[in-house]
PDB file of N, CA and C in Angstrom:
ATOM      1  N   MET A   1     118.448 217.951 103.097  1.00  0.00           N
ATOM      2  CA  MET A   1     118.077 219.233 102.524  1.00  0.00           C
ATOM      3  C   MET A   1     117.843 219.051 101.042  1.00  0.00           C
ATOM      4  N   PRO A   2     116.672 219.402 100.565  1.00  0.00           N
ATOM      5  CA  PRO A   2     116.444 219.323  99.136  1.00  0.00           C
ATOM      6  C   PRO A   2     117.270 220.382  98.406  1.00  0.00           C
ATOM      7  N   TYR A   3     117.466 220.145  97.145  1.00  0.00           N
ATOM      8  CA  TYR A   3     118.165 221.141  96.339  1.00  0.00           C
ATOM      9  C   TYR A   3     117.440 222.463  96.487  1.00  0.00           C
ATOM     10  N   ARG A   4     118.175 223.570  96.586  1.00  0.00           N
ATOM     11  CA  ARG A   4     117.555 224.837  96.976  1.00  0.00           C
ATOM     12  C   ARG A   4     116.526 225.370  95.998  1.00  0.00           C
ATOM     13  N   THR A   5     116.543 224.950  94.734  1.00  0.00           N
ATOM     14  CA  THR A   5     115.521 225.420  93.794  1.00  0.00           C
ATOM     15  C   THR A   5     114.351 224.454  93.678  1.00  0.00           C
ATOM     16  N   GLU A   6     114.384 223.366  94.426  1.00  0.00           N
ATOM     17  CA  GLU A   6     113.338 222.351  94.313  1.00  0.00           C
ATOM     18  C   GLU A   6     111.953 222.903  94.622  1.00  0.00           C
ATOM     19  N   ASN A   7     111.845 223.752  95.629  1.00  0.00           N
ATOM     20  CA  ASN A   7     110.542 224.291  96.017  1.00  0.00           C
ATOM     21  C   ASN A   7     110.305 225.711  95.514  1.00  0.00           C
ATOM     22  N   ILE A   8     111.192 226.219  94.677  1.00  0.00           N
ATOM     23  CA  ILE A   8     111.019 227.554  94.111  1.00  0.00           C
ATOM     24  C   ILE A   8     110.086 227.440  92.910  1.00  0.00           C
ATOM     25  N   LYS A   9     109.061 228.264  92.881  1.00  0.00           N
ATOM     26  CA  LYS A   9     108.081 228.182  91.805  1.00  0.00           C
ATOM     27  C   LYS A   9     108.681 228.653  90.484  1.00  0.00           C
ATOM     28  N   GLN A  10     108.295 227.955  89.436  1.00  0.00           N
ATOM     29  CA  GLN A  10     108.713 228.353  88.094  1.00  0.00           C
ATOM     30  C   GLN A  10     107.667 229.293  87.506  1.00  0.00           C
ATOM     31  N   LYS A  11     108.116 230.191  86.641  1.00  0.00           N
ATOM     32  CA  LYS A  11     107.215 231.096  85.935  1.00  0.00           C
ATOM     33  C   LYS A  11     107.373 230.848  84.446  1.00  0.00           C
ATOM     34  N   LEU A  12     106.410 231.317  83.678  1.00  0.00           N
ATOM     35  CA  LEU A  12     106.470 231.197  82.233  1.00  0.00           C
ATOM     36  C   LEU A  12     106.503 232.576  81.599  1.00  0.00           C
ATOM     37  N   THR A  13     107.333 232.737  80.570  1.00  0.00           N
ATOM     38  CA  THR A  13     107.355 233.968  79.794  1.00  0.00           C
ATOM     39  C   THR A  13     106.205 233.892  78.794  1.00  0.00           C
ATOM     40  N   PRO A  14     105.875 234.997  78.137  1.00  0.00           N
ATOM     41  CA  PRO A  14     104.849 234.926  77.089  1.00  0.00           C
ATOM     42  C   PRO A  14     105.199 233.913  75.985  1.00  0.00           C
ATOM     43  N   ASN A  15     106.489 233.639  75.806  1.00  0.00           N
ATOM     44  CA  ASN A  15     106.924 232.655  74.810  1.00  0.00           C
ATOM     45  C   ASN A  15     106.868 231.231  75.357  1.00  0.00           C
ATOM     46  N   ARG A  16     106.361 231.068  76.577  1.00  0.00           N
ATOM     47  CA  ARG A  16     106.240 229.766  77.245  1.00  0.00           C
ATOM     48  C   ARG A  16     107.578 229.180  77.673  1.00  0.00           C
ATOM     49  N   LYS A  17     108.583 230.032  77.850  1.00  0.00           N
ATOM     50  CA  LYS A  17     109.857 229.559  78.388  1.00  0.00           C
ATOM     51  C   LYS A  17     109.768 229.605  79.910  1.00  0.00           C
ATOM     52  N   ARG A  18     110.288 228.578  80.544  1.00  0.00           N
ATOM     53  CA  ARG A  18     110.247 228.493  81.996  1.00  0.00           C
ATOM     54  C   ARG A  18     111.471 229.148  82.615  1.00  0.00           C
ATOM     55  N   TYR A  19     111.261 229.758  83.773  1.00  0.00           N
ATOM     56  CA  TYR A  19     112.360 230.290  84.564  1.00  0.00           C
ATOM     57  C   TYR A  19     111.938 230.318  86.024  1.00  0.00           C
ATOM     58  N   TYR A  20     112.934 230.329  86.904  1.00  0.00           N
ATOM     59  CA  TYR A  20     112.659 230.419  88.335  1.00  0.00           C
ATOM     60  C   TYR A  20     112.530 231.871  88.733  1.00  0.00           C
ATOM     61  N   LYS A  21     111.646 232.125  89.680  1.00  0.00           N
ATOM     62  CA  LYS A  21     111.630 233.475  90.234  1.00  0.00           C
ATOM     63  C   LYS A  21     112.895 233.639  91.071  1.00  0.00           C
ATOM     64  N   ASN A  22     113.284 234.856  91.350  1.00  0.00           N
ATOM     65  CA  ASN A  22     114.527 235.116  92.088  1.00  0.00           C
ATOM     66  C   ASN A  22     114.504 234.433  93.451  1.00  0.00           C
ATOM     67  N   ILE A  23     115.624 233.833  93.780  1.00  0.00           N
ATOM     68  CA  ILE A  23     115.764 233.192  95.084  1.00  0.00           C
ATOM     69  C   ILE A  23     116.141 234.265  96.101  1.00  0.00           C
ATOM     70  N   LYS A  24     115.484 234.229  97.246  1.00  0.00           N
ATOM     71  CA  LYS A  24     115.780 235.171  98.324  1.00  0.00           C
ATOM     72  C   LYS A  24     116.555 234.434  99.410  1.00  0.00           C
ATOM     73  N   TYR A  25     117.597 235.065  99.902  1.00  0.00           N
ATOM     74  CA  TYR A  25     118.422 234.465 100.950  1.00  0.00           C
ATOM     75  C   TYR A  25     118.200 235.200 102.259  1.00  0.00           C
ATOM     76  N   PRO A  26     118.137 234.474 103.371  1.00  0.00           N
ATOM     77  CA  PRO A  26     117.902 235.119 104.669  1.00  0.00           C
ATOM     78  C   PRO A  26     119.142 235.861 105.162  1.00  0.00           C
ATOM     79  N   LEU A  27     118.897 236.835 106.018  1.00  0.00           N
ATOM     80  CA  LEU A  27     120.007 237.470 106.719  1.00  0.00           C
ATOM     81  C   LEU A  27     120.477 236.486 107.779  1.00  0.00           C
ATOM     82  N   ILE A  28     121.770 236.318 107.878  1.00  0.00           N
ATOM     83  CA  ILE A  28     122.308 235.356 108.841  1.00  0.00           C
ATOM     84  C   ILE A  28     122.982 236.139 109.957  1.00  0.00           C
ATOM     85  N   SER A  29     122.333 236.147 111.105  1.00  0.00           N
ATOM     86  CA  SER A  29     122.818 236.917 112.252  1.00  0.00           C
ATOM     87  C   SER A  29     124.063 236.283 112.864  1.00  0.00           C
ATOM     88  N   LEU A  30     124.870 237.129 113.478  1.00  0.00           N
ATOM     89  CA  LEU A  30     126.031 236.631 114.209  1.00  0.00           C
ATOM     90  C   LEU A  30     125.572 235.833 115.416  1.00  0.00           C
ATOM     91  N   SER A  31     126.350 234.829 115.775  1.00  0.00           N
ATOM     92  CA  SER A  31     126.032 233.995 116.926  1.00  0.00           C
ATOM     93  C   SER A  31     127.325 233.614 117.639  1.00  0.00           C
ATOM     94  N   PHE A  32     127.236 233.388 118.936  1.00  0.00           N
ATOM     95  CA  PHE A  32     128.408 232.941 119.693  1.00  0.00           C
ATOM     96  C   PHE A  32     128.857 231.550 119.263  1.00  0.00           C
ATOM     97  N   ASP A  33     127.948 230.791 118.656  1.00  0.00           N
ATOM     98  CA  ASP A  33     128.265 229.434 118.218  1.00  0.00           C
ATOM     99  C   ASP A  33     128.988 229.379 116.872  1.00  0.00           C
ATOM    100  N   ASP A  34     129.034 230.495 116.157  1.00  0.00           N
ATOM    101  CA  ASP A  34     129.686 230.514 114.844  1.00  0.00           C
ATOM    102  C   ASP A  34     131.155 230.115 114.960  1.00  0.00           C
ATOM    103  N   ILE A  35     131.640 229.471 113.919  1.00  0.00           N
ATOM    104  CA  ILE A  35     133.046 229.082 113.846  1.00  0.00           C
ATOM    105  C   ILE A  35     133.731 230.013 112.852  1.00  0.00           C
ATOM    106  N   TYR A  36     134.930 230.429 113.170  1.00  0.00           N
ATOM    107  CA  TYR A  36     135.717 231.270 112.259  1.00  0.00           C
ATOM    108  C   TYR A  36     136.930 230.472 111.809  1.00  0.00           C
ATOM    109  N   VAL A  37     137.167 230.474 110.506  1.00  0.00           N
ATOM    110  CA  VAL A  37     138.316 229.761 109.957  1.00  0.00           C
ATOM    111  C   VAL A  37     139.115 230.693 109.056  1.00  0.00           C
ATOM    112  N   ILE A  38     140.406 230.421 108.981  1.00  0.00           N
ATOM    113  CA  ILE A  38     141.288 231.113 108.042  1.00  0.00           C
ATOM    114  C   ILE A  38     141.472 230.169 106.858  1.00  0.00           C
ATOM    115  N   THR A  39     141.148 230.654 105.674  1.00  0.00           N
ATOM    116  CA  THR A  39     141.242 229.796 104.501  1.00  0.00           C
ATOM    117  C   THR A  39     142.697 229.516 104.132  1.00  0.00           C
ATOM    118  N   THR A  40     142.895 228.351 103.531  1.00  0.00           N
ATOM    119  CA  THR A  40     144.215 227.964 103.046  1.00  0.00           C
ATOM    120  C   THR A  40     144.115 227.705 101.547  1.00  0.00           C
ATOM    121  N   SER A  41     145.235 227.535 100.920  1.00  0.00           N
ATOM    122  CA  SER A  41     145.268 227.275  99.487  1.00  0.00           C
ATOM    123  C   SER A  41     144.459 226.012  99.168  1.00  0.00           C
ATOM    124  N   GLY A  42     143.590 226.117  98.198  1.00  0.00           N
ATOM    125  CA  GLY A  42     142.778 224.976  97.795  1.00  0.00           C
ATOM    126  C   GLY A  42     141.429 224.883  98.469  1.00  0.00           C
ATOM    127  N   ASP A  43     141.130 225.742  99.450  1.00  0.00           N
ATOM    128  CA  ASP A  43     139.814 225.712 100.091  1.00  0.00           C
ATOM    129  C   ASP A  43     138.742 226.121  99.087  1.00  0.00           C
ATOM    130  N   ARG A  44     137.619 225.420  99.161  1.00  0.00           N
ATOM    131  CA  ARG A  44     136.480 225.695  98.290  1.00  0.00           C
ATOM    132  C   ARG A  44     135.215 225.723  99.137  1.00  0.00           C
ATOM    133  N   LEU A  45     134.235 226.518  98.694  1.00  0.00           N
ATOM    134  CA  LEU A  45     132.984 226.630  99.439  1.00  0.00           C
ATOM    135  C   LEU A  45     132.257 225.296  99.581  1.00  0.00           C
ATOM    136  N   ASP A  46     132.210 224.517  98.505  1.00  0.00           N
ATOM    137  CA  ASP A  46     131.499 223.248  98.588  1.00  0.00           C
ATOM    138  C   ASP A  46     132.187 222.270  99.535  1.00  0.00           C
ATOM    139  N   ASN A  47     133.517 222.285  99.558  1.00  0.00           N
ATOM    140  CA  ASN A  47     134.241 221.409 100.480  1.00  0.00           C
ATOM    141  C   ASN A  47     134.028 221.821 101.937  1.00  0.00           C
ATOM    142  N   LEU A  48     134.021 223.132 102.196  1.00  0.00           N
ATOM    143  CA  LEU A  48     133.760 223.599 103.566  1.00  0.00           C
ATOM    144  C   LEU A  48     132.328 223.271 103.989  1.00  0.00           C
ATOM    145  N   ALA A  49     131.381 223.407 103.070  1.00  0.00           N
ATOM    146  CA  ALA A  49     129.990 223.055 103.389  1.00  0.00           C
ATOM    147  C   ALA A  49     129.882 221.567 103.714  1.00  0.00           C
ATOM    148  N   HIS A  50     130.601 220.750 102.984  1.00  0.00           N
ATOM    149  CA  HIS A  50     130.597 219.313 103.282  1.00  0.00           C
ATOM    150  C   HIS A  50     131.242 219.036 104.639  1.00  0.00           C
ATOM    151  N   GLN A  51     132.332 219.718 104.919  1.00  0.00           N
ATOM    152  CA  GLN A  51     133.047 219.512 106.187  1.00  0.00           C
ATOM    153  C   GLN A  51     132.201 219.923 107.390  1.00  0.00           C
ATOM    154  N   PHE A  52     131.522 221.067 107.305  1.00  0.00           N
ATOM    155  CA  PHE A  52     130.804 221.590 108.471  1.00  0.00           C
ATOM    156  C   PHE A  52     129.322 221.213 108.515  1.00  0.00           C
ATOM    157  N   TYR A  53     128.708 220.957 107.347  1.00  0.00           N
ATOM    158  CA  TYR A  53     127.269 220.668 107.301  1.00  0.00           C
ATOM    159  C   TYR A  53     126.950 219.291 106.724  1.00  0.00           C
ATOM    160  N   ALA A  54     127.956 218.583 106.233  1.00  0.00           N
ATOM    161  CA  ALA A  54     127.768 217.274 105.582  1.00  0.00           C
ATOM    162  C   ALA A  54     126.848 217.374 104.366  1.00  0.00           C
ATOM    163  N   ASP A  55     126.873 218.539 103.696  1.00  0.00           N
ATOM    164  CA  ASP A  55     126.043 218.748 102.509  1.00  0.00           C
ATOM    165  C   ASP A  55     126.696 219.818 101.636  1.00  0.00           C
ATOM    166  N   VAL A  56     127.203 219.412 100.481  1.00  0.00           N
ATOM    167  CA  VAL A  56     127.895 220.366  99.601  1.00  0.00           C
ATOM    168  C   VAL A  56     126.957 221.430  99.048  1.00  0.00           C
ATOM    169  N   ASP A  57     125.647 221.152  98.997  1.00  0.00           N
ATOM    170  CA  ASP A  57     124.690 222.118  98.458  1.00  0.00           C
ATOM    171  C   ASP A  57     124.450 223.308  99.381  1.00  0.00           C
ATOM    172  N   LEU A  58     124.995 223.273 100.595  1.00  0.00           N
ATOM    173  CA  LEU A  58     124.806 224.395 101.534  1.00  0.00           C
ATOM    174  C   LEU A  58     125.934 225.418 101.463  1.00  0.00           C
ATOM    175  N   TRP A  59     126.676 225.425 100.376  1.00  0.00           N
ATOM    176  CA  TRP A  59     127.754 226.412 100.190  1.00  0.00           C
ATOM    177  C   TRP A  59     127.211 227.833 100.280  1.00  0.00           C
ATOM    178  N   TRP A  60     125.965 228.036  99.848  1.00  0.00           N
ATOM    179  CA  TRP A  60     125.377 229.371  99.832  1.00  0.00           C
ATOM    180  C   TRP A  60     125.235 229.951 101.239  1.00  0.00           C
ATOM    181  N   VAL A  61     125.138 229.099 102.265  1.00  0.00           N
ATOM    182  CA  VAL A  61     125.038 229.581 103.643  1.00  0.00           C
ATOM    183  C   VAL A  61     126.329 230.316 104.022  1.00  0.00           C
ATOM    184  N   ILE A  62     127.455 229.727 103.675  1.00  0.00           N
ATOM    185  CA  ILE A  62     128.748 230.338 103.999  1.00  0.00           C
ATOM    186  C   ILE A  62     128.924 231.634 103.217  1.00  0.00           C
ATOM    187  N   THR A  63     128.543 231.616 101.947  1.00  0.00           N
ATOM    188  CA  THR A  63     128.652 232.823 101.123  1.00  0.00           C
ATOM    189  C   THR A  63     127.776 233.944 101.670  1.00  0.00           C
ATOM    190  N   THR A  64     126.539 233.618 102.024  1.00  0.00           N
ATOM    191  CA  THR A  64     125.601 234.624 102.528  1.00  0.00           C
ATOM    192  C   THR A  64     126.046 235.184 103.874  1.00  0.00           C
ATOM    193  N   ALA A  65     126.695 234.376 104.678  1.00  0.00           N
ATOM    194  CA  ALA A  65     127.158 234.812 105.999  1.00  0.00           C
ATOM    195  C   ALA A  65     128.397 235.701 105.917  1.00  0.00           C
ATOM    196  N   ASN A  66     129.029 235.771 104.749  1.00  0.00           N
ATOM    197  CA  ASN A  66     130.270 236.532 104.598  1.00  0.00           C
ATOM    198  C   ASN A  66     130.194 237.533 103.450  1.00  0.00           C
ATOM    199  N   PRO A  67     129.222 238.464 103.504  1.00  0.00           N
ATOM    200  CA  PRO A  67     129.114 239.436 102.408  1.00  0.00           C
ATOM    201  C   PRO A  67     130.345 240.346 102.379  1.00  0.00           C
ATOM    202  N   GLY A  68     130.790 240.636 101.200  1.00  0.00           N
ATOM    203  CA  GLY A  68     131.954 241.503 101.061  1.00  0.00           C
ATOM    204  C   GLY A  68     133.274 240.791 101.290  1.00  0.00           C
ATOM    205  N   VAL A  69     133.244 239.538 101.714  1.00  0.00           N
ATOM    206  CA  VAL A  69     134.459 238.769 101.956  1.00  0.00           C
ATOM    207  C   VAL A  69     134.622 237.689 100.893  1.00  0.00           C
ATOM    208  N   ILE A  70     133.510 237.025 100.570  1.00  0.00           N
ATOM    209  CA  ILE A  70     133.531 235.940  99.595  1.00  0.00           C
ATOM    210  C   ILE A  70     132.815 236.401  98.335  1.00  0.00           C
ATOM    211  N   ARG A  71     133.447 236.140  97.194  1.00  0.00           N
ATOM    212  CA  ARG A  71     132.818 236.444  95.914  1.00  0.00           C
ATOM    213  C   ARG A  71     131.727 235.422  95.644  1.00  0.00           C
ATOM    214  N   ARG A  72     130.634 235.860  95.074  1.00  0.00           N
ATOM    215  CA  ARG A  72     129.496 234.974  94.809  1.00  0.00           C
ATOM    216  C   ARG A  72     129.626 234.229  93.483  1.00  0.00           C
ATOM    217  N   ASP A  73     130.679 234.477  92.719  1.00  0.00           N
ATOM    218  CA  ASP A  73     130.785 233.869  91.395  1.00  0.00           C
ATOM    219  C   ASP A  73     131.810 232.743  91.307  1.00  0.00           C
ATOM    220  N   SER A  74     132.292 232.258  92.446  1.00  0.00           N
ATOM    221  CA  SER A  74     133.291 231.201  92.418  1.00  0.00           C
ATOM    222  C   SER A  74     133.238 230.373  93.696  1.00  0.00           C
ATOM    223  N   PHE A  75     133.497 229.073  93.575  1.00  0.00           N
ATOM    224  CA  PHE A  75     133.608 228.221  94.756  1.00  0.00           C
ATOM    225  C   PHE A  75     134.978 228.363  95.415  1.00  0.00           C
ATOM    226  N   ASN A  76     135.966 228.803  94.651  1.00  0.00           N
ATOM    227  CA  ASN A  76     137.332 228.909  95.169  1.00  0.00           C
ATOM    228  C   ASN A  76     137.458 230.094  96.113  1.00  0.00           C
ATOM    229  N   LEU A  77     138.249 229.911  97.161  1.00  0.00           N
ATOM    230  CA  LEU A  77     138.472 230.962  98.153  1.00  0.00           C
ATOM    231  C   LEU A  77     139.932 231.376  98.153  1.00  0.00           C
ATOM    232  N   LYS A  78     140.152 232.658  98.333  1.00  0.00           N
ATOM    233  CA  LYS A  78     141.523 233.135  98.446  1.00  0.00           C
ATOM    234  C   LYS A  78     142.113 232.643  99.765  1.00  0.00           C
ATOM    235  N   PRO A  79     143.358 232.233  99.760  1.00  0.00           N
ATOM    236  CA  PRO A  79     143.984 231.817 101.018  1.00  0.00           C
ATOM    237  C   PRO A  79     144.214 233.017 101.942  1.00  0.00           C
ATOM    238  N   GLY A  80     144.093 232.776 103.243  1.00  0.00           N
ATOM    239  CA  GLY A  80     144.414 233.793 104.238  1.00  0.00           C
ATOM    240  C   GLY A  80     143.280 234.702 104.641  1.00  0.00           C
ATOM    241  N   ILE A  81     142.060 234.451 104.180  1.00  0.00           N
ATOM    242  CA  ILE A  81     140.947 235.291 104.620  1.00  0.00           C
ATOM    243  C   ILE A  81     140.197 234.587 105.746  1.00  0.00           C
ATOM    244  N   GLU A  82     139.664 235.372 106.670  1.00  0.00           N
ATOM    245  CA  GLU A  82     138.878 234.818 107.771  1.00  0.00           C
ATOM    246  C   GLU A  82     137.413 234.799 107.359  1.00  0.00           C
ATOM    247  N   ILE A  83     136.787 233.641 107.462  1.00  0.00           N
ATOM    248  CA  ILE A  83     135.371 233.537 107.138  1.00  0.00           C
ATOM    249  C   ILE A  83     134.609 232.927 108.307  1.00  0.00           C
ATOM    250  N   ARG A  84     133.334 233.267 108.337  1.00  0.00           N
ATOM    251  CA  ARG A  84     132.447 232.796 109.404  1.00  0.00           C
ATOM    252  C   ARG A  84     131.638 231.615 108.894  1.00  0.00           C
ATOM    253  N   ILE A  85     131.562 230.564 109.695  1.00  0.00           N
ATOM    254  CA  ILE A  85     130.763 229.384 109.380  1.00  0.00           C
ATOM    255  C   ILE A  85     129.622 229.326 110.398  1.00  0.00           C
ATOM    256  N   PRO A  86     128.405 229.733 110.001  1.00  0.00           N
ATOM    257  CA  PRO A  86     127.283 229.692 110.945  1.00  0.00           C
ATOM    258  C   PRO A  86     126.968 228.257 111.361  1.00  0.00           C
ATOM    259  N   GLN A  87     126.573 228.082 112.615  1.00  0.00           N
ATOM    260  CA  GLN A  87     126.283 226.749 113.120  1.00  0.00           C
ATOM    261  C   GLN A  87     124.797 226.466 113.314  1.00  0.00           C
ATOM    262  N   ASP A  88     123.965 227.489 113.312  1.00  0.00           N
ATOM    263  CA  ASP A  88     122.516 227.289 113.506  1.00  0.00           C
ATOM    264  C   ASP A  88     121.850 227.032 112.156  1.00  0.00           C
ATOM    265  N   ILE A  89     122.259 225.961 111.501  1.00  0.00           N
ATOM    266  CA  ILE A  89     121.832 225.691 110.136  1.00  0.00           C
ATOM    267  C   ILE A  89     120.330 225.425 110.034  1.00  0.00           C
ATOM    268  N   GLU A  90     119.730 224.831 111.042  1.00  0.00           N
ATOM    269  CA  GLU A  90     118.299 224.526 110.985  1.00  0.00           C
ATOM    270  C   GLU A  90     117.464 225.800 110.860  1.00  0.00           C
ATOM    271  N   SER A  91     117.753 226.808 111.665  1.00  0.00           N
ATOM    272  CA  SER A  91     116.959 228.042 111.589  1.00  0.00           C
ATOM    273  C   SER A  91     117.249 228.801 110.298  1.00  0.00           C
ATOM    274  N   ILE A  92     118.469 228.716 109.776  1.00  0.00           N
ATOM    275  CA  ILE A  92     118.794 229.361 108.500  1.00  0.00           C
ATOM    276  C   ILE A  92     117.977 228.722 107.379  1.00  0.00           C
ATOM    277  N   LEU A  93     117.888 227.405 107.377  1.00  0.00           N
ATOM    278  CA  LEU A  93     117.118 226.712 106.346  1.00  0.00           C
ATOM    279  C   LEU A  93     115.623 226.985 106.475  1.00  0.00           C
ATOM    280  N   GLU A  94     115.126 227.097 107.706  1.00  0.00           N
ATOM    281  CA  GLU A  94     113.724 227.453 107.911  1.00  0.00           C
ATOM    282  C   GLU A  94     113.434 228.846 107.358  1.00  0.00           C
ATOM    283  N   ASP A  95     114.320 229.810 107.658  1.00  0.00           N
ATOM    284  CA  ASP A  95     114.157 231.170 107.145  1.00  0.00           C
ATOM    285  C   ASP A  95     114.193 231.186 105.619  1.00  0.00           C
ATOM    286  N   PHE A  96     115.090 230.395 105.024  1.00  0.00           N
ATOM    287  CA  PHE A  96     115.192 230.307 103.575  1.00  0.00           C
ATOM    288  C   PHE A  96     113.882 229.808 102.971  1.00  0.00           C
ATOM    289  N   GLU A  97     113.330 228.768 103.558  1.00  0.00           N
ATOM    290  CA  GLU A  97     112.080 228.207 103.035  1.00  0.00           C
ATOM    291  C   GLU A  97     110.919 229.188 103.182  1.00  0.00           C
ATOM    292  N   LYS A  98     110.842 229.916 104.298  1.00  0.00           N
ATOM    293  CA  LYS A  98     109.776 230.896 104.497  1.00  0.00           C
ATOM    294  C   LYS A  98     109.875 232.022 103.473  1.00  0.00           C
ATOM    295  N   LEU A  99     111.093 232.487 103.195  1.00  0.00           N
ATOM    296  CA  LEU A  99     111.282 233.567 102.236  1.00  0.00           C
ATOM    297  C   LEU A  99     110.906 233.158 100.810  1.00  0.00           C
ATOM    298  N   ASN A 100     111.016 231.891 100.518  1.00  0.00           N
ATOM    299  CA  ASN A 100     110.831 231.427  99.141  1.00  0.00           C
ATOM    300  C   ASN A 100     109.584 230.570  98.951  1.00  0.00           C
ATOM    301  N   GLU A 101     108.600 230.739  99.808  1.00  0.00           N
ATOM    302  CA  GLU A 101     107.342 229.997  99.657  1.00  0.00           C
ATOM    303  C   GLU A 101     106.597 230.448  98.443  1.00  0.00           C
TER     304      GLU A 101
END
C-alpha cells in the first residue's frame, strides 16, 4: 500500500505554496468477518494496524471504522474499549483510491 497521500493531488495557493486537497475516507460497512477487540493498556492504532494488516500506515482504517469511539488526534487508545477491526481491507483501499482520484 502506498502512503495514503502519495496519489492525492497537490494544489497551489496564489502565493505558490503547495498543499494537499482534503483526503476523503470511505464509509466502512459492518461485516460478519470483522474482528472485535477490547483494548488494553499500551495499545496503539499503528501497532494494531501492523498486527492485523501488516502495515502501520493503515491505522486510519481502524479509526474510520470506529467513529465516536476512537479519537482522531492520537495513536494511543484508552484501555477497555471495544473496537472493530475490518477484515475486507482490499475493498476499503479500492474505495479510498476511487474517492481520492
